[in-house]
Amino acid sequence: MIAKEVMKTMIDQDVTLKKLAEMTGYTYNHLSKVIHGHVNSEKVKKIIAFALRKNFDELWGEGSKGDK
Protein backbone atom coordinates (compact mmCIF):
# COMPACT_ATOMS: atom_id res chain seq x y z
CA MET A 1 0.00 0.00 0.00
CA ILE A 2 1.38 3.38 -1.03
CA ALA A 3 0.20 5.20 2.10
CA LYS A 4 2.35 2.92 4.26
CA GLU A 5 5.42 3.63 2.12
CA VAL A 6 4.87 7.39 2.26
CA MET A 7 4.30 7.29 6.02
CA LYS A 8 7.41 5.12 6.47
CA THR A 9 9.45 7.67 4.51
CA MET A 10 8.04 10.43 6.69
CA ILE A 11 8.91 8.52 9.87
CA ASP A 12 12.42 7.76 8.59
CA GLN A 13 12.93 11.49 7.98
CA ASP A 14 11.24 12.56 11.22
CA VAL A 15 8.59 14.47 9.26
CA THR A 16 5.09 14.63 10.74
CA LEU A 17 2.02 15.33 8.64
CA LYS A 18 1.82 18.72 10.35
CA LYS A 19 5.43 19.48 9.39
CA LEU A 20 4.79 18.27 5.82
CA ALA A 21 1.83 20.66 5.67
CA GLU A 22 4.09 23.52 6.74
CA MET A 23 6.72 22.48 4.16
CA THR A 24 4.27 22.25 1.26
CA GLY A 25 1.66 24.90 2.03
CA TYR A 26 -1.15 22.36 1.83
CA THR A 27 -3.45 21.55 4.72
CA TYR A 28 -2.97 18.54 6.96
CA ASN A 29 -6.36 17.21 5.80
CA HIS A 30 -5.62 17.59 2.09
CA LEU A 31 -2.23 15.89 2.38
CA SER A 32 -3.76 13.05 4.36
CA LYS A 33 -6.43 12.54 1.69
CA VAL A 34 -3.81 12.47 -1.09
CA ILE A 35 -1.50 10.12 0.81
CA HIS A 36 -4.33 7.70 1.61
CA GLY A 37 -5.74 7.79 -1.93
CA HIS A 38 -9.02 9.58 -1.22
CA VAL A 39 -7.97 12.47 -3.49
CA ASN A 40 -5.89 11.99 -6.63
CA SER A 41 -3.56 14.88 -7.37
CA GLU A 42 -0.37 14.34 -9.32
CA LYS A 43 0.62 17.93 -8.53
CA VAL A 44 0.38 17.40 -4.76
CA LYS A 45 2.08 14.00 -5.02
CA LYS A 46 5.01 15.65 -6.83
CA ILE A 47 5.22 18.33 -4.15
CA ILE A 48 5.19 15.70 -1.40
CA ALA A 49 7.92 13.72 -3.17
CA PHE A 50 10.02 16.88 -3.56
CA ALA A 51 9.54 17.83 0.10
CA LEU A 52 10.61 14.33 1.16
CA ARG A 53 13.56 14.38 -1.28
CA LYS A 54 12.29 11.30 -3.11
CA ASN A 55 11.83 10.50 -6.76
CA PHE A 56 8.12 10.61 -7.71
CA ASP A 57 8.07 7.06 -9.07
CA GLU A 58 10.04 5.75 -6.11
CA LEU A 59 7.54 7.19 -3.64
CA TRP A 60 4.26 6.74 -5.52
CA GLY A 61 4.99 4.05 -8.08
CA GLU A 62 4.89 4.43 -11.83
CA GLY A 63 1.12 3.89 -11.93
CA SER A 64 0.48 7.21 -10.19
CA LYS A 65 1.28 9.34 -13.21
CA GLY A 66 -1.70 10.72 -15.00
CA ASP A 67 -3.76 11.29 -11.85
CA LYS A 68 -5.54 14.59 -11.66
C-alpha atoms as a PDB file:
ATOM      1  CA  MET A   1       0.000   0.000   0.000  1.00  0.00           C
ATOM      2  CA  ILE A   2       1.375   3.378  -1.030  1.00  0.00           C
ATOM      3  CA  ALA A   3       0.198   5.196   2.098  1.00  0.00           C
ATOM      4  CA  LYS A   4       2.350   2.918   4.258  1.00  0.00           C
ATOM      5  CA  GLU A   5       5.420   3.632   2.120  1.00  0.00           C
ATOM      6  CA  VAL A   6       4.869   7.394   2.258  1.00  0.00           C
ATOM      7  CA  MET A   7       4.298   7.293   6.017  1.00  0.00           C
ATOM      8  CA  LYS A   8       7.412   5.125   6.471  1.00  0.00           C
ATOM      9  CA  THR A   9       9.446   7.670   4.511  1.00  0.00           C
ATOM     10  CA  MET A  10       8.044  10.432   6.691  1.00  0.00           C
ATOM     11  CA  ILE A  11       8.912   8.524   9.871  1.00  0.00           C
ATOM     12  CA  ASP A  12      12.419   7.762   8.585  1.00  0.00           C
ATOM     13  CA  GLN A  13      12.928  11.490   7.977  1.00  0.00           C
ATOM     14  CA  ASP A  14      11.236  12.560  11.219  1.00  0.00           C
ATOM     15  CA  VAL A  15       8.588  14.475   9.264  1.00  0.00           C
ATOM     16  CA  THR A  16       5.093  14.630  10.736  1.00  0.00           C
ATOM     17  CA  LEU A  17       2.022  15.334   8.645  1.00  0.00           C
ATOM     18  CA  LYS A  18       1.823  18.724  10.353  1.00  0.00           C
ATOM     19  CA  LYS A  19       5.425  19.480   9.390  1.00  0.00           C
ATOM     20  CA  LEU A  20       4.790  18.273   5.821  1.00  0.00           C
ATOM     21  CA  ALA A  21       1.827  20.658   5.667  1.00  0.00           C
ATOM     22  CA  GLU A  22       4.095  23.520   6.736  1.00  0.00           C
ATOM     23  CA  MET A  23       6.718  22.479   4.165  1.00  0.00           C
ATOM     24  CA  THR A  24       4.273  22.254   1.262  1.00  0.00           C
ATOM     25  CA  GLY A  25       1.663  24.897   2.030  1.00  0.00           C
ATOM     26  CA  TYR A  26      -1.151  22.358   1.829  1.00  0.00           C
ATOM     27  CA  THR A  27      -3.449  21.554   4.719  1.00  0.00           C
ATOM     28  CA  TYR A  28      -2.972  18.539   6.959  1.00  0.00           C
ATOM     29  CA  ASN A  29      -6.363  17.207   5.800  1.00  0.00           C
ATOM     30  CA  HIS A  30      -5.623  17.591   2.089  1.00  0.00           C
ATOM     31  CA  LEU A  31      -2.231  15.893   2.377  1.00  0.00           C
ATOM     32  CA  SER A  32      -3.762  13.047   4.357  1.00  0.00           C
ATOM     33  CA  LYS A  33      -6.426  12.539   1.687  1.00  0.00           C
ATOM     34  CA  VAL A  34      -3.815  12.473  -1.088  1.00  0.00           C
ATOM     35  CA  ILE A  35      -1.502  10.121   0.815  1.00  0.00           C
ATOM     36  CA  HIS A  36      -4.331   7.699   1.606  1.00  0.00           C
ATOM     37  CA  GLY A  37      -5.736   7.793  -1.935  1.00  0.00           C
ATOM     38  CA  HIS A  38      -9.017   9.584  -1.223  1.00  0.00           C
ATOM     39  CA  VAL A  39      -7.969  12.469  -3.491  1.00  0.00           C
ATOM     40  CA  ASN A  40      -5.885  11.986  -6.627  1.00  0.00           C
ATOM     41  CA  SER A  41      -3.563  14.879  -7.370  1.00  0.00           C
ATOM     42  CA  GLU A  42      -0.371  14.337  -9.319  1.00  0.00           C
ATOM     43  CA  LYS A  43       0.624  17.930  -8.530  1.00  0.00           C
ATOM     44  CA  VAL A  44       0.383  17.399  -4.763  1.00  0.00           C
ATOM     45  CA  LYS A  45       2.084  14.004  -5.016  1.00  0.00           C
ATOM     46  CA  LYS A  46       5.007  15.652  -6.826  1.00  0.00           C
ATOM     47  CA  ILE A  47       5.223  18.329  -4.147  1.00  0.00           C
ATOM     48  CA  ILE A  48       5.188  15.695  -1.398  1.00  0.00           C
ATOM     49  CA  ALA A  49       7.922  13.719  -3.169  1.00  0.00           C
ATOM     50  CA  PHE A  50      10.022  16.878  -3.562  1.00  0.00           C
ATOM     51  CA  ALA A  51       9.539  17.831   0.102  1.00  0.00           C
ATOM     52  CA  LEU A  52      10.612  14.332   1.158  1.00  0.00           C
ATOM     53  CA  ARG A  53      13.565  14.383  -1.284  1.00  0.00           C
ATOM     54  CA  LYS A  54      12.290  11.297  -3.107  1.00  0.00           C
ATOM     55  CA  ASN A  55      11.830  10.503  -6.756  1.00  0.00           C
ATOM     56  CA  PHE A  56       8.120  10.614  -7.708  1.00  0.00           C
ATOM     57  CA  ASP A  57       8.070   7.060  -9.066  1.00  0.00           C
ATOM     58  CA  GLU A  58      10.042   5.752  -6.106  1.00  0.00           C
ATOM     59  CA  LEU A  59       7.544   7.195  -3.643  1.00  0.00           C
ATOM     60  CA  TRP A  60       4.263   6.744  -5.521  1.00  0.00           C
ATOM     61  CA  GLY A  61       4.990   4.051  -8.084  1.00  0.00           C
ATOM     62  CA  GLU A  62       4.890   4.429 -11.833  1.00  0.00           C
ATOM     63  CA  GLY A  63       1.117   3.889 -11.932  1.00  0.00           C
ATOM     64  CA  SER A  64       0.480   7.205 -10.188  1.00  0.00           C
ATOM     65  CA  LYS A  65       1.284   9.339 -13.206  1.00  0.00           C
ATOM     66  CA  GLY A  66      -1.701  10.717 -15.002  1.00  0.00           C
ATOM     67  CA  ASP A  67      -3.761  11.288 -11.853  1.00  0.00           C
ATOM     68  CA  LYS A  68      -5.539  14.589 -11.659  1.00  0.00           C
END
